[in-house]
Amino acid sequence: MAVRQLEVPAVLRRAWGDEAADAFAVWLTSVLEERAISRDEYRQILSRLDILEHDMADLKADVQELRGEISELRKEMNERFDRMNERFDRMNERFDQMYHQMVVQTRWFIGALVVIGTVISALLAIAQFVR
């Protein structure tokens, strides 16, 4: 990029003299050539920044939407786990009831066997005495 020679104000020319003012103008021109950009380059950079800003806004919206979906998914999974826990609780209650029924039936069975054994023993004892 070519920067034209800068015009040094008249006040500086009178204070510094023509030679110092021209040297300053040359030095400042070279600094500007090294570090400055043209208006077209500045506009290109601004347009690229606008594109990046737009893309970042889209990404932000997408991330927020994804977070919302993940939140809904977590909520749905928690509800399903709660329903599964309720089912397991009902199954545990059924197993407890079955266990209780098995204990009751076992006690009745053993009691019946004892009664039958006692009756048979009594009948055998009676048969022994009758003979």
N, C-alpha and C. Protein backbone atom coordinates (compact mmCIF):
# COMPACT_ATOMS: atom_id res chain seq x y z
N MET A 1 0.84 -1.16 0.00
CA MET A 1 0.00 0.00 0.00
C MET A 1 0.89 1.23 0.00
N ALA A 2 0.62 2.12 -0.87
CA ALA A 2 1.44 3.33 -0.99
C ALA A 2 0.74 4.49 -0.30
N VAL A 3 1.43 5.07 0.67
CA VAL A 3 0.90 6.23 1.38
C VAL A 3 1.63 7.45 0.84
N ARG A 4 0.87 8.47 0.45
CA ARG A 4 1.51 9.68 -0.08
C ARG A 4 2.22 10.40 1.05
N GLN A 5 3.16 11.23 0.66
CA GLN A 5 3.95 12.00 1.63
C GLN A 5 3.02 12.87 2.45
N LEU A 6 3.18 12.83 3.76
CA LEU A 6 2.33 13.63 4.63
C LEU A 6 2.73 15.09 4.57
N GLU A 7 1.74 15.93 4.72
CA GLU A 7 1.96 17.39 4.75
C GLU A 7 2.16 17.78 6.21
N VAL A 8 3.28 18.38 6.52
CA VAL A 8 3.59 18.79 7.88
C VAL A 8 2.97 20.18 8.09
N PRO A 9 2.26 20.36 9.22
CA PRO A 9 1.66 21.68 9.47
C PRO A 9 2.71 22.80 9.50
N ALA A 10 2.28 23.99 9.12
CA ALA A 10 3.20 25.15 9.03
C ALA A 10 3.80 25.49 10.38
N VAL A 11 3.06 25.30 11.46
CA VAL A 11 3.57 25.60 12.80
C VAL A 11 4.78 24.72 13.10
N LEU A 12 4.70 23.43 12.74
CA LEU A 12 5.83 22.53 12.98
C LEU A 12 7.02 22.90 12.09
N ARG A 13 6.74 23.31 10.84
CA ARG A 13 7.84 23.71 9.95
C ARG A 13 8.59 24.92 10.54
N ARG A 14 7.86 25.86 11.05
CA ARG A 14 8.51 27.05 11.63
C ARG A 14 9.28 26.66 12.89
N ALA A 15 8.70 25.77 13.73
CA ALA A 15 9.35 25.41 14.99
C ALA A 15 10.55 24.50 14.77
N TRP A 16 10.41 23.51 13.88
CA TRP A 16 11.48 22.53 13.69
C TRP A 16 12.43 22.90 12.55
N GLY A 17 11.94 23.60 11.61
CA GLY A 17 12.71 23.89 10.41
C GLY A 17 12.29 22.93 9.31
N ASP A 18 12.62 23.26 8.06
CA ASP A 18 12.20 22.46 6.91
C ASP A 18 12.82 21.07 6.92
N GLU A 19 14.08 20.98 7.26
CA GLU A 19 14.78 19.68 7.22
C GLU A 19 14.19 18.71 8.24
N ALA A 20 13.97 19.14 9.48
CA ALA A 20 13.41 18.28 10.52
C ALA A 20 11.96 17.93 10.21
N ALA A 21 11.19 18.88 9.69
CA ALA A 21 9.79 18.62 9.36
C ALA A 21 9.69 17.60 8.24
N ASP A 22 10.56 17.71 7.20
CA ASP A 22 10.54 16.74 6.10
C ASP A 22 10.97 15.35 6.59
N ALA A 23 11.98 15.30 7.47
CA ALA A 23 12.44 14.02 8.01
C ALA A 23 11.32 13.37 8.85
N PHE A 24 10.64 14.19 9.63
CA PHE A 24 9.53 13.69 10.42
C PHE A 24 8.42 13.15 9.52
N ALA A 25 8.11 13.87 8.44
CA ALA A 25 7.06 13.44 7.51
C ALA A 25 7.43 12.12 6.86
N VAL A 26 8.70 11.97 6.45
CA VAL A 26 9.15 10.71 5.84
C VAL A 26 9.06 9.58 6.86
N TRP A 27 9.52 9.81 8.08
CA TRP A 27 9.47 8.78 9.11
C TRP A 27 8.04 8.37 9.43
N LEU A 28 7.16 9.35 9.61
CA LEU A 28 5.76 9.04 9.92
C LEU A 28 5.09 8.31 8.77
N THR A 29 5.43 8.67 7.53
CA THR A 29 4.87 7.98 6.36
C THR A 29 5.31 6.51 6.35
N SER A 30 6.57 6.25 6.65
CA SER A 30 7.06 4.86 6.65
C SER A 30 6.40 4.05 7.77
N VAL A 31 6.19 4.66 8.93
CA VAL A 31 5.51 3.98 10.03
C VAL A 31 4.08 3.64 9.63
N LEU A 32 3.40 4.58 9.00
CA LEU A 32 2.03 4.33 8.58
C LEU A 32 1.96 3.25 7.51
N GLU A 33 2.94 3.23 6.61
CA GLU A 33 2.95 2.18 5.57
C GLU A 33 3.11 0.80 6.19
N GLU A 34 3.92 0.71 7.26
CA GLU A 34 4.16 -0.58 7.90
C GLU A 34 2.96 -1.06 8.73
N ARG A 35 2.28 -0.14 9.36
CA ARG A 35 1.29 -0.54 10.36
C ARG A 35 -0.16 -0.24 10.01
N ALA A 36 -0.41 0.55 9.04
CA ALA A 36 -1.78 0.95 8.71
C ALA A 36 -2.34 0.06 7.61
N ILE A 37 -3.66 0.02 7.52
CA ILE A 37 -4.32 -0.73 6.45
C ILE A 37 -5.21 0.24 5.68
N SER A 38 -5.55 -0.17 4.48
CA SER A 38 -6.39 0.70 3.65
C SER A 38 -7.85 0.57 4.07
N ARG A 39 -8.66 1.49 3.57
CA ARG A 39 -10.09 1.45 3.88
C ARG A 39 -10.72 0.17 3.34
N ASP A 40 -10.30 -0.26 2.17
CA ASP A 40 -10.86 -1.49 1.59
C ASP A 40 -10.53 -2.70 2.46
N GLU A 41 -9.28 -2.77 2.92
CA GLU A 41 -8.90 -3.87 3.81
C GLU A 41 -9.69 -3.79 5.11
N TYR A 42 -9.88 -2.60 5.64
CA TYR A 42 -10.65 -2.40 6.86
C TYR A 42 -12.09 -2.85 6.65
N ARG A 43 -12.68 -2.54 5.52
CA ARG A 43 -14.05 -2.96 5.22
C ARG A 43 -14.13 -4.48 5.09
N GLN A 44 -13.11 -5.09 4.47
CA GLN A 44 -13.09 -6.56 4.36
C GLN A 44 -13.04 -7.19 5.75
N ILE A 45 -12.21 -6.63 6.61
CA ILE A 45 -12.09 -7.17 7.96
C ILE A 45 -13.42 -7.01 8.70
N LEU A 46 -14.05 -5.85 8.55
CA LEU A 46 -15.35 -5.64 9.20
C LEU A 46 -16.40 -6.60 8.68
N SER A 47 -16.40 -6.84 7.36
CA SER A 47 -17.40 -7.78 6.82
C SER A 47 -17.13 -9.19 7.33
N ARG A 48 -15.86 -9.57 7.44
CA ARG A 48 -15.55 -10.90 7.99
C ARG A 48 -15.95 -10.99 9.46
N LEU A 49 -15.73 -9.91 10.20
CA LEU A 49 -16.16 -9.91 11.60
C LEU A 49 -17.68 -10.00 11.72
N ASP A 50 -18.39 -9.33 10.81
CA ASP A 50 -19.85 -9.43 10.82
C ASP A 50 -20.30 -10.86 10.55
N ILE A 51 -19.63 -11.52 9.60
CA ILE A 51 -19.96 -12.92 9.30
C ILE A 51 -19.69 -13.79 10.52
N LEU A 52 -18.53 -13.58 11.16
CA LEU A 52 -18.21 -14.35 12.37
C LEU A 52 -19.22 -14.10 13.48
N GLU A 53 -19.62 -12.84 13.64
CA GLU A 53 -20.60 -12.51 14.66
C GLU A 53 -21.92 -13.22 14.39
N HIS A 54 -22.33 -13.23 13.12
CA HIS A 54 -23.57 -13.92 12.74
C HIS A 54 -23.46 -15.41 13.00
N ASP A 55 -22.32 -15.99 12.61
CA ASP A 55 -22.12 -17.43 12.83
C ASP A 55 -22.11 -17.76 14.33
N MET A 56 -21.48 -16.90 15.13
CA MET A 56 -21.45 -17.14 16.57
C MET A 56 -22.86 -17.05 17.16
N ALA A 57 -23.66 -16.11 16.66
CA ALA A 57 -25.04 -16.01 17.14
C ALA A 57 -25.81 -17.27 16.79
N ASP A 58 -25.59 -17.81 15.57
CA ASP A 58 -26.24 -19.07 15.18
C ASP A 58 -25.78 -20.22 16.07
N LEU A 59 -24.47 -20.27 16.33
CA LEU A 59 -23.95 -21.33 17.20
C LEU A 59 -24.54 -21.23 18.61
N LYS A 60 -24.65 -20.00 19.10
CA LYS A 60 -25.22 -19.80 20.44
C LYS A 60 -26.66 -20.30 20.47
N ALA A 61 -27.41 -19.97 19.43
CA ALA A 61 -28.81 -20.43 19.38
C ALA A 61 -28.87 -21.95 19.31
N ASP A 62 -27.98 -22.55 18.50
CA ASP A 62 -27.96 -24.02 18.38
C ASP A 62 -27.60 -24.67 19.71
N VAL A 63 -26.63 -24.10 20.41
CA VAL A 63 -26.22 -24.67 21.71
C VAL A 63 -27.36 -24.56 22.72
N GLN A 64 -28.06 -23.42 22.72
CA GLN A 64 -29.18 -23.27 23.64
C GLN A 64 -30.28 -24.27 23.31
N GLU A 65 -30.53 -24.48 22.01
CA GLU A 65 -31.54 -25.46 21.60
C GLU A 65 -31.13 -26.86 22.03
N LEU A 66 -29.84 -27.18 21.84
CA LEU A 66 -29.34 -28.50 22.23
C LEU A 66 -29.45 -28.70 23.74
N ARG A 67 -29.13 -27.66 24.50
CA ARG A 67 -29.27 -27.76 25.95
C ARG A 67 -30.72 -28.01 26.34
N GLY A 68 -31.62 -27.33 25.66
CA GLY A 68 -33.04 -27.55 25.94
C GLY A 68 -33.46 -28.98 25.63
N GLU A 69 -32.98 -29.51 24.49
CA GLU A 69 -33.30 -30.89 24.13
C GLU A 69 -32.72 -31.86 25.14
N ILE A 70 -31.48 -31.62 25.54
CA ILE A 70 -30.84 -32.51 26.53
C ILE A 70 -31.62 -32.45 27.84
N SER A 71 -32.05 -31.23 28.22
CA SER A 71 -32.82 -31.10 29.46
C SER A 71 -34.12 -31.88 29.38
N GLU A 72 -34.80 -31.80 28.23
CA GLU A 72 -36.04 -32.56 28.05
C GLU A 72 -35.76 -34.06 28.09
N LEU A 73 -34.65 -34.48 27.46
CA LEU A 73 -34.29 -35.89 27.46
C LEU A 73 -34.02 -36.38 28.87
N ARG A 74 -33.30 -35.58 29.66
CA ARG A 74 -33.04 -35.96 31.05
C ARG A 74 -34.34 -36.07 31.84
N LYS A 75 -35.23 -35.11 31.62
CA LYS A 75 -36.51 -35.14 32.33
C LYS A 75 -37.29 -36.39 31.97
N GLU A 76 -37.32 -36.73 30.68
CA GLU A 76 -38.04 -37.92 30.24
C GLU A 76 -37.40 -39.19 30.82
N MET A 77 -36.06 -39.24 30.82
CA MET A 77 -35.39 -40.41 31.38
C MET A 77 -35.67 -40.54 32.87
N ASN A 78 -35.66 -39.44 33.59
CA ASN A 78 -35.96 -39.49 35.02
C ASN A 78 -37.37 -39.99 35.28
N GLU A 79 -38.32 -39.54 34.44
CA GLU A 79 -39.69 -40.02 34.59
C GLU A 79 -39.77 -41.52 34.34
N ARG A 80 -39.06 -41.98 33.33
CA ARG A 80 -39.07 -43.42 33.04
C ARG A 80 -38.42 -44.21 34.17
N PHE A 81 -37.32 -43.71 34.71
CA PHE A 81 -36.69 -44.39 35.85
C PHE A 81 -37.63 -44.41 37.05
N ASP A 82 -38.36 -43.33 37.26
CA ASP A 82 -39.32 -43.32 38.36
C ASP A 82 -40.40 -44.38 38.16
N ARG A 83 -40.89 -44.51 36.92
CA ARG A 83 -41.90 -45.54 36.64
C ARG A 83 -41.32 -46.93 36.84
N MET A 84 -40.06 -47.14 36.42
CA MET A 84 -39.43 -48.44 36.64
C MET A 84 -39.28 -48.73 38.13
N ASN A 85 -38.90 -47.73 38.90
CA ASN A 85 -38.78 -47.92 40.35
C ASN A 85 -40.12 -48.29 40.96
N GLU A 86 -41.19 -47.65 40.48
CA GLU A 86 -42.51 -48.01 40.99
C GLU A 86 -42.85 -49.45 40.65
N ARG A 87 -42.51 -49.89 39.45
CA ARG A 87 -42.76 -51.29 39.07
C ARG A 87 -41.96 -52.24 39.94
N PHE A 88 -40.70 -51.91 40.17
CA PHE A 88 -39.88 -52.77 41.04
C PHE A 88 -40.44 -52.80 42.46
N ASP A 89 -40.93 -51.68 42.93
CA ASP A 89 -41.54 -51.66 44.27
C ASP A 89 -42.76 -52.57 44.32
N ARG A 90 -43.59 -52.53 43.27
CA ARG A 90 -44.77 -53.42 43.23
C ARG A 90 -44.33 -54.89 43.16
N MET A 91 -43.27 -55.16 42.37
CA MET A 91 -42.78 -56.54 42.30
C MET A 91 -42.26 -56.99 43.66
N ASN A 92 -41.56 -56.11 44.38
CA ASN A 92 -41.06 -56.46 45.71
C ASN A 92 -42.21 -56.75 46.66
N GLU A 93 -43.27 -55.95 46.55
CA GLU A 93 -44.44 -56.20 47.39
C GLU A 93 -45.04 -57.57 47.06
N ARG A 94 -45.12 -57.91 45.78
CA ARG A 94 -45.66 -59.23 45.39
C ARG A 94 -44.78 -60.35 45.91
N PHE A 95 -43.45 -60.19 45.80
CA PHE A 95 -42.55 -61.22 46.32
C PHE A 95 -42.71 -61.36 47.83
N ASP A 96 -42.87 -60.24 48.52
CA ASP A 96 -43.09 -60.30 49.97
C ASP A 96 -44.38 -61.04 50.29
N GLN A 97 -45.44 -60.77 49.52
CA GLN A 97 -46.71 -61.47 49.75
C GLN A 97 -46.56 -62.97 49.46
N MET A 98 -45.85 -63.30 48.36
CA MET A 98 -45.64 -64.72 48.03
C MET A 98 -44.83 -65.41 49.13
N TYR A 99 -43.81 -64.74 49.62
CA TYR A 99 -42.99 -65.31 50.68
C TYR A 99 -43.85 -65.55 51.92
N HIS A 100 -44.66 -64.58 52.27
CA HIS A 100 -45.54 -64.73 53.43
C HIS A 100 -46.50 -65.91 53.24
N GLN A 101 -47.08 -66.04 52.05
CA GLN A 101 -47.99 -67.15 51.77
C GLN A 101 -47.25 -68.49 51.84
N MET A 102 -46.01 -68.52 51.33
CA MET A 102 -45.23 -69.77 51.39
C MET A 102 -44.94 -70.16 52.84
N VAL A 103 -44.61 -69.16 53.68
CA VAL A 103 -44.35 -69.46 55.09
C VAL A 103 -45.61 -69.99 55.76
N VAL A 104 -46.76 -69.35 55.49
CA VAL A 104 -48.02 -69.80 56.09
C VAL A 104 -48.35 -71.21 55.63
N GLN A 105 -48.22 -71.49 54.33
CA GLN A 105 -48.54 -72.83 53.81
C GLN A 105 -47.57 -73.87 54.36
N THR A 106 -46.30 -73.50 54.51
CA THR A 106 -45.33 -74.44 55.07
C THR A 106 -45.69 -74.77 56.51
N ARG A 107 -46.07 -73.77 57.28
CA ARG A 107 -46.46 -74.02 58.67
C ARG A 107 -47.70 -74.93 58.73
N TRP A 108 -48.69 -74.69 57.88
CA TRP A 108 -49.87 -75.53 57.85
C TRP A 108 -49.51 -76.96 57.45
N PHE A 109 -48.62 -77.09 56.46
CA PHE A 109 -48.22 -78.42 56.00
C PHE A 109 -47.52 -79.19 57.11
N ILE A 110 -46.57 -78.52 57.80
CA ILE A 110 -45.85 -79.18 58.89
C ILE A 110 -46.82 -79.53 60.03
N GLY A 111 -47.73 -78.62 60.32
CA GLY A 111 -48.74 -78.90 61.36
C GLY A 111 -49.61 -80.08 60.98
N ALA A 112 -50.02 -80.14 59.71
CA ALA A 112 -50.85 -81.27 59.25
C ALA A 112 -50.07 -82.56 59.34
N LEU A 113 -48.77 -82.54 58.95
CA LEU A 113 -47.95 -83.75 59.05
C LEU A 113 -47.82 -84.20 60.51
N VAL A 114 -47.65 -83.24 61.41
CA VAL A 114 -47.53 -83.59 62.83
C VAL A 114 -48.83 -84.22 63.32
N VAL A 115 -49.96 -83.64 62.95
CA VAL A 115 -51.25 -84.20 63.37
C VAL A 115 -51.43 -85.60 62.80
N ILE A 116 -51.14 -85.75 61.49
CA ILE A 116 -51.28 -87.08 60.87
C ILE A 116 -50.34 -88.08 61.53
N GLY A 117 -49.10 -87.64 61.78
CA GLY A 117 -48.15 -88.53 62.46
C GLY A 117 -48.62 -88.92 63.85
N THR A 118 -49.19 -87.94 64.56
CA THR A 118 -49.71 -88.23 65.90
C THR A 118 -50.87 -89.20 65.83
N VAL A 119 -51.78 -89.00 64.88
CA VAL A 119 -52.93 -89.91 64.73
C VAL A 119 -52.45 -91.30 64.38
N ILE A 120 -51.46 -91.40 63.44
CA ILE A 120 -50.94 -92.73 63.06
C ILE A 120 -50.26 -93.39 64.26
N SER A 121 -49.48 -92.61 65.02
CA SER A 121 -48.81 -93.17 66.20
C SER A 121 -49.83 -93.65 67.22
N ALA A 122 -50.88 -92.87 67.41
CA ALA A 122 -51.92 -93.27 68.37
C ALA A 122 -52.62 -94.53 67.89
N LEU A 123 -52.93 -94.62 66.59
CA LEU A 123 -53.58 -95.81 66.05
C LEU A 123 -52.68 -97.03 66.17
N LEU A 124 -51.38 -96.84 65.93
CA LEU A 124 -50.45 -97.97 66.06
C LEU A 124 -50.36 -98.42 67.53
N ALA A 125 -50.36 -97.42 68.41
CA ALA A 125 -50.31 -97.79 69.85
C ALA A 125 -51.57 -98.55 70.26
N ILE A 126 -52.70 -98.09 69.76
CA ILE A 126 -53.96 -98.78 70.06
C ILE A 126 -53.94 -100.18 69.46
N ALA A 127 -53.43 -100.32 68.27
CA ALA A 127 -53.35 -101.62 67.63
C ALA A 127 -52.45 -102.54 68.38
N GLN A 128 -51.39 -102.04 68.99
CA GLN A 128 -50.46 -102.86 69.77
C GLN A 128 -51.15 -103.40 71.04
N PHE A 129 -51.94 -102.55 71.64
CA PHE A 129 -52.62 -102.98 72.86
C PHE A 129 -53.78 -103.93 72.56
N VAL A 130 -54.38 -103.79 71.44
CA VAL A 130 -55.52 -104.60 71.08
C VAL A 130 -55.03 -106.01 70.74
N ARG A 131 -53.98 -106.24 70.29
CA ARG A 131 -53.51 -107.55 69.91
C ARG A 131 -53.23 -108.39 71.05
